[in-house]
Protein backbone atom coordinates (compact mmCIF):
# COMPACT_ATOMS: atom_id res chain seq x y z
CA MET A 1 -27.09 34.51 14.11
CA LEU A 2 -24.13 33.70 11.87
CA ARG A 3 -26.32 31.54 9.58
CA LYS A 4 -28.89 34.33 9.27
CA THR A 5 -26.17 36.84 8.47
CA CYS A 6 -24.80 34.56 5.75
CA GLN A 7 -28.24 34.01 4.31
CA LYS A 8 -28.90 37.76 4.21
CA ARG A 9 -25.63 38.30 2.33
CA LEU A 10 -26.45 35.57 -0.15
CA VAL A 11 -29.94 36.92 -0.74
CA ALA A 12 -28.52 40.39 -1.28
CA ARG A 13 -26.20 38.94 -3.96
CA GLY A 14 -29.03 36.99 -5.57
CA ALA A 15 -27.46 33.62 -4.65
CA PRO A 16 -29.51 30.58 -3.56
CA VAL A 17 -29.67 29.88 0.16
CA LEU A 18 -28.89 26.35 1.35
CA GLN A 19 -30.34 24.91 4.54
CA ASN A 20 -26.93 23.95 5.89
CA GLY A 21 -25.71 27.53 5.82
CA CYS A 22 -22.64 29.26 4.46
CA SER A 23 -20.16 26.41 4.75
CA HIS A 24 -21.84 24.30 2.10
CA VAL A 25 -22.33 27.28 -0.18
CA SER A 26 -18.68 28.15 0.26
CA SER A 27 -17.58 24.58 -0.55
CA GLN A 28 -19.83 24.53 -3.59
CA SER A 29 -18.48 27.84 -4.87
CA ILE A 30 -14.91 26.66 -4.38
CA ALA A 31 -15.65 23.49 -6.36
CA ILE A 32 -17.27 25.52 -9.13
CA LYS A 33 -14.29 27.86 -9.30
CA ALA A 34 -11.90 24.89 -9.39
CA GLN A 35 -13.83 23.34 -12.26
CA ALA A 36 -13.84 26.66 -14.12
CA ARG A 37 -10.07 26.97 -13.70
CA GLN A 38 -9.65 23.41 -14.93
CA ARG A 39 -11.80 24.09 -18.00
CA TYR A 40 -9.84 27.26 -18.72
CA LEU A 41 -6.57 25.35 -18.45
CA LEU A 42 -7.83 22.57 -20.73
CA VAL A 43 -8.97 25.09 -23.34
CA LEU A 44 -5.51 26.67 -23.34
CA LEU A 45 -3.75 23.31 -23.48
CA PHE A 46 -5.89 22.15 -26.40
CA ALA A 47 -5.48 25.47 -28.24
CA GLY A 48 -1.74 25.38 -27.65
CA PHE A 49 -1.46 21.84 -28.95
CA THR A 50 -3.24 22.89 -32.12
CA LEU A 51 -0.51 25.47 -32.67
CA THR A 52 2.27 22.99 -31.89
CA GLY A 53 0.77 20.69 -34.52
CA ILE A 54 1.29 23.50 -37.04
CA GLU A 55 4.69 24.74 -35.98
CA ILE A 56 6.45 21.39 -35.63
CA THR A 57 5.17 20.06 -38.96
CA VAL A 58 5.42 23.22 -41.08
CA ALA A 59 8.98 22.26 -42.05
CA GLY A 60 7.59 19.22 -43.92
CA PRO A 61 5.59 21.05 -46.64
CA MET A 62 8.23 23.79 -46.70
CA LEU A 63 11.15 21.34 -47.09
CA PRO A 64 10.84 21.15 -50.91
CA ILE A 65 10.85 24.98 -50.90
CA PHE A 66 14.08 25.00 -48.92
CA ILE A 67 15.59 22.35 -51.23
CA SER A 68 14.76 24.45 -54.28
CA ARG A 69 15.72 27.80 -52.71
CA TRP A 70 19.21 26.73 -51.64
CA SER A 71 19.83 23.74 -53.98
CA LEU A 72 20.04 21.21 -51.16
CA THR A 73 20.63 17.48 -51.39
CA ASP A 74 18.44 15.15 -49.33
CA SER A 75 21.28 14.77 -46.86
CA ARG A 76 21.65 18.53 -46.37
CA ALA A 77 17.89 19.01 -46.25
CA GLY A 78 17.72 16.39 -43.52
CA ILE A 79 20.00 18.60 -41.42
CA PHE A 80 17.17 21.14 -41.21
CA LEU A 81 14.91 18.51 -39.64
CA THR A 82 17.68 17.21 -37.40
CA LEU A 83 18.35 20.71 -36.14
CA GLU A 84 14.70 21.35 -35.35
CA PHE A 85 14.12 18.12 -33.48
CA ALA A 86 17.52 18.13 -31.76
CA CYS A 87 16.57 21.48 -30.28
CA SER A 88 13.30 19.95 -29.12
CA LEU A 89 15.44 17.62 -27.00
CA GLY A 90 17.10 20.67 -25.48
CA GLY A 91 13.64 22.10 -24.91
CA VAL A 92 12.59 18.99 -22.98
CA TRP A 93 15.62 19.31 -20.72
CA LEU A 94 14.95 23.00 -20.20
CA SER A 95 11.33 22.18 -19.45
CA SER A 96 12.36 19.82 -16.65
CA LEU A 97 14.64 22.44 -15.10
CA ILE A 98 12.23 25.34 -15.46
CA SER A 99 9.24 23.41 -14.13
CA HIS A 100 11.32 22.16 -11.20
CA TYR A 101 12.35 25.63 -10.05
CA PHE A 102 9.65 27.92 -11.44
CA GLY A 103 6.64 25.74 -12.20
CA ASN A 104 5.10 24.42 -15.38
CA ARG A 105 3.34 27.65 -16.23
CA THR A 106 6.69 29.39 -16.73
CA SER A 107 7.84 26.68 -19.13
CA LEU A 108 4.65 27.04 -21.20
CA VAL A 109 4.90 30.83 -21.34
CA LEU A 110 8.52 30.71 -22.48
CA GLY A 111 7.76 27.89 -24.91
CA TYR A 112 5.04 29.77 -26.76
CA LEU A 113 7.10 32.95 -26.84
CA VAL A 114 9.94 31.04 -28.51
CA ILE A 115 7.51 29.35 -30.91
CA GLY A 116 6.11 32.74 -31.89
CA GLY A 117 9.58 34.06 -32.64
CA GLY A 118 10.46 31.01 -34.72
CA LEU A 119 7.32 31.22 -36.84
CA ALA A 120 7.85 34.92 -37.48
CA THR A 121 11.31 34.35 -39.00
CA LEU A 122 10.96 30.93 -40.67
CA ASN A 123 10.45 32.11 -44.26
CA SER A 124 13.65 34.13 -44.35
CA THR A 125 15.72 34.32 -47.53
CA SER A 126 18.77 33.66 -45.36
CA MET A 127 19.44 29.98 -44.72
CA THR A 128 21.09 30.81 -41.40
CA VAL A 129 18.04 32.73 -40.15
CA ALA A 130 15.74 29.91 -41.30
CA GLN A 131 17.85 27.40 -39.39
CA ILE A 132 17.72 29.56 -36.26
CA ALA A 133 13.95 29.76 -36.67
CA LEU A 134 13.71 25.97 -36.90
CA ALA A 135 15.86 25.69 -33.79
CA ALA A 136 13.45 28.01 -32.00
CA LEU A 137 10.44 25.99 -33.13
CA GLY A 138 12.03 22.80 -31.85
CA THR A 139 13.02 24.35 -28.52
CA GLY A 140 9.55 25.76 -27.95
CA TYR A 141 8.02 22.41 -28.82
CA GLY A 142 10.17 20.66 -26.23
CA LEU A 143 9.21 23.25 -23.61
CA VAL A 144 5.45 22.72 -23.94
CA VAL A 145 4.75 19.16 -25.10
CA PRO A 146 5.79 17.06 -22.05
CA ILE A 147 3.94 19.33 -19.63
CA THR A 148 0.83 19.43 -21.78
CA ASN A 149 0.62 15.65 -22.19
CA LEU A 150 1.13 14.85 -18.52
CA ALA A 151 -1.12 17.67 -17.28
CA VAL A 152 -3.94 16.36 -19.47
CA ALA A 153 -3.22 12.77 -18.37
CA GLU A 154 -3.47 13.79 -14.71
CA ILE A 155 -6.70 15.71 -15.25
CA GLY A 156 -8.11 12.70 -17.12
CA GLY A 157 -7.50 10.32 -14.22
CA ALA A 158 -8.80 6.84 -15.02
CA ARG A 159 -9.61 7.96 -18.56
CA SER A 160 -6.18 9.44 -19.17
CA ALA A 161 -5.61 7.56 -22.45
CA SER A 162 -8.86 8.92 -23.88
CA LEU A 163 -8.20 12.53 -22.86
CA VAL A 164 -4.58 12.37 -24.04
CA SER A 165 -5.89 11.04 -27.36
CA LEU A 166 -8.21 14.05 -27.58
CA VAL A 167 -5.49 16.60 -26.86
CA ASN A 168 -3.31 14.88 -29.45
CA PHE A 169 -6.33 15.08 -31.75
CA ALA A 170 -6.05 18.85 -31.33
CA TRP A 171 -2.40 18.51 -32.32
CA GLY A 172 -3.57 16.53 -35.33
CA VAL A 173 -5.96 19.33 -36.31
CA GLY A 174 -3.02 21.72 -36.52
CA SER A 175 -0.78 19.31 -38.40
CA PHE A 176 -3.63 18.42 -40.77
CA ALA A 177 -4.43 22.07 -41.52
CA CYS A 178 -0.79 23.09 -42.02
CA PRO A 179 -0.11 21.72 -45.56
CA PRO A 180 -3.24 23.18 -47.25
CA LEU A 181 -2.60 26.48 -45.49
CA VAL A 182 0.96 26.48 -46.81
CA LEU A 183 -0.30 25.64 -50.31
CA PHE A 184 -2.92 28.40 -50.15
CA ALA A 185 -0.35 30.90 -48.90
CA LEU A 186 2.10 29.95 -51.65
CA LYS A 187 -0.52 30.37 -54.36
CA ASN A 188 -1.40 33.80 -52.96
CA ALA A 189 2.19 34.89 -52.19
CA SER A 190 1.30 35.34 -48.53
CA LEU A 191 3.36 32.67 -46.76
CA THR A 192 5.17 35.20 -44.58
CA LYS A 193 1.89 36.86 -43.56
CA MET A 194 0.42 33.50 -42.59
CA LEU A 195 3.45 32.71 -40.44
CA TYR A 196 3.12 36.12 -38.77
CA LEU A 197 -0.50 35.26 -37.92
CA PHE A 198 0.53 32.00 -36.28
CA ALA A 199 3.32 33.80 -34.43
CA GLY A 200 0.78 36.24 -33.01
CA PHE A 201 -1.33 33.33 -31.80
CA GLY A 202 1.73 31.93 -30.03
CA PHE A 203 2.35 35.23 -28.26
CA LEU A 204 -1.32 35.38 -27.24
CA LEU A 205 -1.11 31.90 -25.74
CA ALA A 206 1.99 32.89 -23.78
CA VAL A 207 0.09 35.79 -22.22
CA SER A 208 -2.98 33.62 -21.54
CA PHE A 209 -0.97 31.00 -19.65
CA LEU A 210 0.17 33.72 -17.25
CA PHE A 211 -3.36 33.63 -15.83
CA SER A 212 -3.73 29.85 -15.71
CA GLN A 213 -3.47 27.65 -12.65
CA PHE A 214 -2.23 24.07 -12.76
CA PRO A 215 -3.14 21.21 -10.41
CA HIS A 216 -1.01 21.31 -7.28
CA SER A 217 1.22 18.41 -8.29
CA HIS A 218 2.22 20.27 -11.44
CA THR A 219 2.62 23.76 -10.10
CA ALA A 220 4.67 22.54 -7.21
CA ALA A 221 6.56 19.78 -8.84
CA GLY A 222 9.81 21.01 -7.40
CA SER A 223 8.54 20.84 -3.84
CA GLU A 224 7.46 17.22 -3.98
CA SER A 225 9.48 14.06 -3.86
CA PRO A 226 7.51 11.68 -6.01
CA SER A 227 8.19 8.00 -5.86
CA PRO A 228 7.58 5.69 -8.78
CA ALA A 229 4.90 3.08 -8.59
CA THR A 230 6.00 -0.34 -7.43
CA GLY A 231 6.14 -3.29 -9.77
CA VAL A 232 7.73 -1.48 -12.75
CA SER A 233 10.84 -3.38 -13.73
CA LEU A 234 13.98 -1.92 -15.23
CA LEU A 235 13.18 -3.82 -18.44
CA ALA A 236 9.73 -2.19 -18.63
CA THR A 237 11.18 1.27 -17.98
CA SER A 238 13.92 0.85 -20.58
CA SER A 239 11.48 -0.56 -23.11
CA LEU A 240 9.00 2.28 -22.58
CA ALA A 241 11.79 4.79 -23.13
CA ALA A 242 12.75 3.02 -26.36
CA LEU A 243 9.09 2.96 -27.44
CA PHE A 244 8.88 6.74 -26.99
CA LEU A 245 12.00 7.13 -29.15
CA LEU A 246 10.93 4.74 -31.90
CA TYR A 247 7.36 5.98 -32.21
CA VAL A 248 8.28 9.64 -32.58
CA ALA A 249 11.05 8.63 -34.99
CA THR A 250 8.44 6.86 -37.11
CA GLU A 251 5.87 9.66 -37.06
CA THR A 252 8.29 12.49 -37.80
CA SER A 253 10.00 10.56 -40.60
CA PHE A 254 6.76 9.91 -42.47
CA GLY A 255 5.36 13.37 -41.78
CA SER A 256 8.53 15.26 -42.67
CA TRP A 257 9.39 13.41 -45.89
CA ALA A 258 5.89 12.73 -47.26
CA ALA A 259 5.81 15.87 -49.41
CA ALA A 260 9.29 15.29 -50.84
CA HIS A 261 8.48 11.66 -51.67
CA VAL A 262 5.16 12.45 -53.37
CA LYS A 263 6.71 15.36 -55.31
CA ARG A 264 9.07 12.90 -57.01
CA LEU A 265 6.07 10.89 -58.17
CA ALA A 266 4.45 13.95 -59.77
CA ILE A 267 4.12 14.28 -63.53
CA SER A 268 3.48 18.02 -63.43
CA GLY A 269 4.37 20.82 -61.05
CA SER A 270 0.81 21.43 -59.81
CA GLY A 271 1.97 21.70 -56.20
CA ILE A 272 -0.40 18.98 -54.94
CA TRP A 273 2.59 17.25 -53.37
CA THR A 274 2.41 19.96 -50.68
CA LEU A 275 -0.72 18.24 -49.38
CA ALA A 276 0.94 14.86 -48.72
CA PRO A 277 1.57 15.60 -45.02
CA MET A 278 -2.08 16.67 -44.76
CA PHE A 279 -3.16 13.14 -45.71
CA PHE A 280 -0.81 11.62 -43.15
CA TYR A 281 -1.89 13.93 -40.35
CA GLY A 282 -5.50 13.67 -41.49
CA GLY A 283 -5.39 9.95 -40.82
CA LEU A 284 -3.66 10.67 -37.50
CA MET A 285 -6.35 13.19 -36.55
CA ALA A 286 -9.24 10.92 -37.56
CA GLY A 287 -7.80 8.03 -35.56
CA ARG A 288 -7.41 10.15 -32.45
CA ALA A 289 -10.95 11.45 -32.78
CA VAL A 290 -12.38 7.92 -32.53
CA ALA A 291 -9.73 6.58 -30.14
CA PRO A 292 -11.73 7.30 -26.94
CA PHE A 293 -14.58 5.15 -28.25
CA VAL A 294 -12.26 2.35 -29.36
CA LEU A 295 -10.38 2.34 -26.06
CA HIS A 296 -13.61 1.52 -24.23
CA ARG A 297 -13.90 -1.72 -26.20
CA VAL A 298 -10.35 -2.82 -27.00
CA ARG A 299 -7.53 -3.33 -24.52
CA GLU A 300 -4.68 -0.88 -24.95
CA TYR A 301 -2.00 -3.51 -25.56
CA ARG A 302 -3.95 -5.24 -28.32
CA LEU A 303 -4.80 -1.91 -29.90
CA VAL A 304 -1.16 -0.84 -30.03
CA MET A 305 -0.05 -4.14 -31.55
CA GLY A 306 -2.75 -3.99 -34.20
CA ALA A 307 -1.93 -0.36 -34.97
CA LEU A 308 1.74 -1.20 -35.52
CA VAL A 309 0.84 -3.94 -38.00
CA VAL A 310 -1.30 -1.42 -39.90
CA VAL A 311 1.61 1.05 -39.99
CA ILE A 312 4.00 -1.58 -41.35
CA ILE A 313 1.67 -2.68 -44.15
CA SER A 314 0.47 0.78 -45.20
CA GLY A 315 3.93 2.29 -44.79
CA ALA A 316 5.34 -0.34 -47.16
CA PHE A 317 2.68 0.56 -49.74
CA PHE A 318 3.62 4.23 -49.37
CA VAL A 319 7.32 3.55 -49.89
CA LEU A 320 6.65 1.39 -52.95
CA ALA A 321 3.92 3.64 -54.44
CA ASP A 322 4.42 4.54 -58.10
CA THR A 323 1.48 6.98 -58.36
CA GLN A 324 0.34 9.90 -56.25
CA ALA A 325 -3.06 8.31 -55.70
CA ILE A 326 -1.57 5.20 -54.09
CA ALA A 327 0.82 7.35 -52.07
CA PHE A 328 -1.97 9.54 -50.72
CA VAL A 329 -4.16 6.58 -49.72
CA SER A 330 -1.35 4.60 -48.12
CA VAL A 331 0.08 7.55 -46.19
CA THR A 332 -3.42 8.31 -44.86
CA VAL A 333 -3.77 4.77 -43.54
CA THR A 334 -0.28 5.04 -42.06
CA GLY A 335 -1.35 8.11 -40.12
CA LEU A 336 -4.50 6.30 -39.00
CA GLY A 337 -2.39 3.45 -37.68
CA CYS A 338 -0.15 5.84 -35.75
CA ALA A 339 -3.09 7.59 -34.08
CA THR A 340 -3.44 5.67 -30.82
CA ILE A 341 0.14 4.59 -30.22
CA PHE A 342 1.68 7.65 -28.57
CA PRO A 343 -1.34 8.54 -26.36
CA ILE A 344 -1.30 5.01 -24.97
CA TYR A 345 2.43 5.26 -24.23
CA VAL A 346 1.80 8.52 -22.34
CA ALA A 347 -1.08 6.91 -20.43
CA TRP A 348 1.20 4.03 -19.45
CA LEU A 349 3.81 6.50 -18.23
CA SER A 350 1.24 8.25 -16.03
CA ARG A 351 -0.34 5.01 -14.78
CA TRP A 352 2.80 2.95 -14.13
CA TYR A 353 4.69 5.63 -12.23
CA GLY A 354 1.92 7.63 -10.57
CA ALA A 355 3.35 10.79 -9.02
CA GLY A 356 6.80 9.56 -10.09
CA ALA A 357 5.88 10.34 -13.69
CA THR A 358 6.66 13.98 -12.93
CA ARG A 359 10.29 13.04 -12.35
CA ILE A 360 10.73 10.44 -15.09
CA ARG A 361 8.89 12.39 -17.78
CA GLY A 362 12.10 14.22 -18.69
CA VAL A 363 13.76 10.91 -19.56
CA MET A 364 10.83 9.63 -21.63
CA PHE A 365 10.24 12.82 -23.59
CA SER A 366 13.98 13.24 -24.06
CA MET A 367 13.98 9.85 -25.74
CA SER A 368 11.13 10.94 -28.01
CA SER A 369 13.10 14.07 -28.91
CA ILE A 370 16.16 11.95 -29.69
CA GLY A 371 14.00 9.90 -32.03
CA SER A 372 12.63 12.95 -33.80
CA SER A 373 16.05 14.58 -34.05
CA THR A 374 17.85 11.57 -35.52
CA ALA A 375 15.37 9.65 -37.68
CA PRO A 376 14.35 12.32 -40.27
CA GLY A 377 17.99 13.24 -40.80
CA LEU A 378 18.92 9.57 -41.05
CA VAL A 379 16.27 9.16 -43.75
CA GLY A 380 17.99 11.91 -45.74
CA ILE A 381 21.44 10.41 -45.26
CA VAL A 382 20.30 6.93 -46.30
CA SER A 383 18.45 8.42 -49.28
CA THR A 384 21.53 10.29 -50.51
CA HIS A 385 23.98 7.42 -50.07
CA ALA A 386 21.77 4.42 -50.87
CA GLY A 387 20.16 5.55 -54.08
CA GLY A 388 16.84 7.20 -53.31
CA LEU A 389 14.18 8.27 -50.87
CA ARG A 390 12.37 4.93 -51.12
CA ILE A 391 15.29 3.27 -49.39
CA GLY A 392 15.57 6.13 -46.92
CA LEU A 393 11.95 5.66 -45.87
CA LEU A 394 12.72 2.12 -44.77
CA VAL A 395 14.08 3.72 -41.59
CA PRO A 396 10.63 4.37 -40.03
CA LEU A 397 9.48 0.90 -41.08
CA PHE A 398 12.38 -0.67 -39.20
CA CYS A 399 11.45 1.46 -36.17
CA THR A 400 7.90 0.11 -36.28
CA VAL A 401 9.09 -3.50 -36.41
CA ALA A 402 11.37 -2.81 -33.44
CA MET A 403 8.39 -1.52 -31.43
CA ILE A 404 6.57 -4.81 -31.90
CA PHE A 405 9.51 -6.75 -30.47
CA LEU A 406 9.73 -4.39 -27.48
CA LEU A 407 6.01 -4.74 -26.76
CA LEU A 408 6.38 -8.52 -26.78
CA LEU A 409 9.07 -8.16 -24.10
CA ILE A 410 6.83 -6.14 -21.77
CA ARG A 411 3.44 -7.62 -22.62
CA ARG A 412 2.68 -8.50 -18.98
CA GLN A 413 3.32 -4.98 -17.70
CA ALA A 414 1.59 -3.36 -20.68
CA ALA A 415 -1.49 -5.53 -20.30
CA VAL A 416 -2.10 -4.32 -16.71
């Protein structure tokens, strides 16, 4: 009788009737709804990472504008970048606290609200307001990036490195599009309007995440007591933390100072120097687009080591470039080399520690924020006191060499 009643209800709704009755239909519908929620969450995470690619890199093409507007030295200009990325460290810490007590969704909502506010006020004629805006952009970035990376890694499961590469590809789309958009806005005197548009997108994302649902381990992170995976030594943990720091230090240094370096190679004031970060992030984006295919054929450890060698060689060409053409080509290859490094580090974090990654993520992403907050400013300081930006850009090259030595120390763990 119950089966017939269920079948009648399903027929009345136009749904297919299964021979095993309502229970199987109910299980199937639950699975379909879960998949739909997961797709909705992934769409939001990918869309959000596209915006973070714009907001965290917009200071790079705008840095020469700030230098000209307020007559800044490289050292003082570097403070702008240090402020932004130092606040991203604070955002990571806030993210850990907020997700522990209120869930990851709350951290994402607050993060995109703060990002929206920072974008809306970035092009202020007041240096103080611009600095506050950069602080907001960094804080919002720290609130959303750790959660996004680890949520995508968990959804990806065994293919976590590939899916993390794809979500970071979305980040690359935003960072790649940012410099030409800034150039277009400058030529049309509409930079403030463009930033308002991005701010509105940030506010829309904040509202959209209110209706999202995370996997249980993320939404209830505070109620669990995760334990790290066995077999991860203190040396491996310390080295992975250092790798997070050094990689982000390398990427942000090249991305933030590319426009300023290329501008000093320019013969005329055509403004093409604004596009230098686009070439770097274009290489980064292209590399992350093909990374899932490469990761099926090349072991992660070998791929990271090869990528670091590429970064060292192409980065040296960029530093020593005496024409814009050489600079653009070399910085593109540098971005290509950087493409797979960070996604693989995130995949290792998720794989080595299992459920314990939820607890240790704050440490790892704090280290990455320390790298981004110190390295670009250090480039400016070295540039001012050592005779030029070429010498300052040796900082990210030293970071890349250091990563190779760290990987040699943990090659057994990393090769698992």
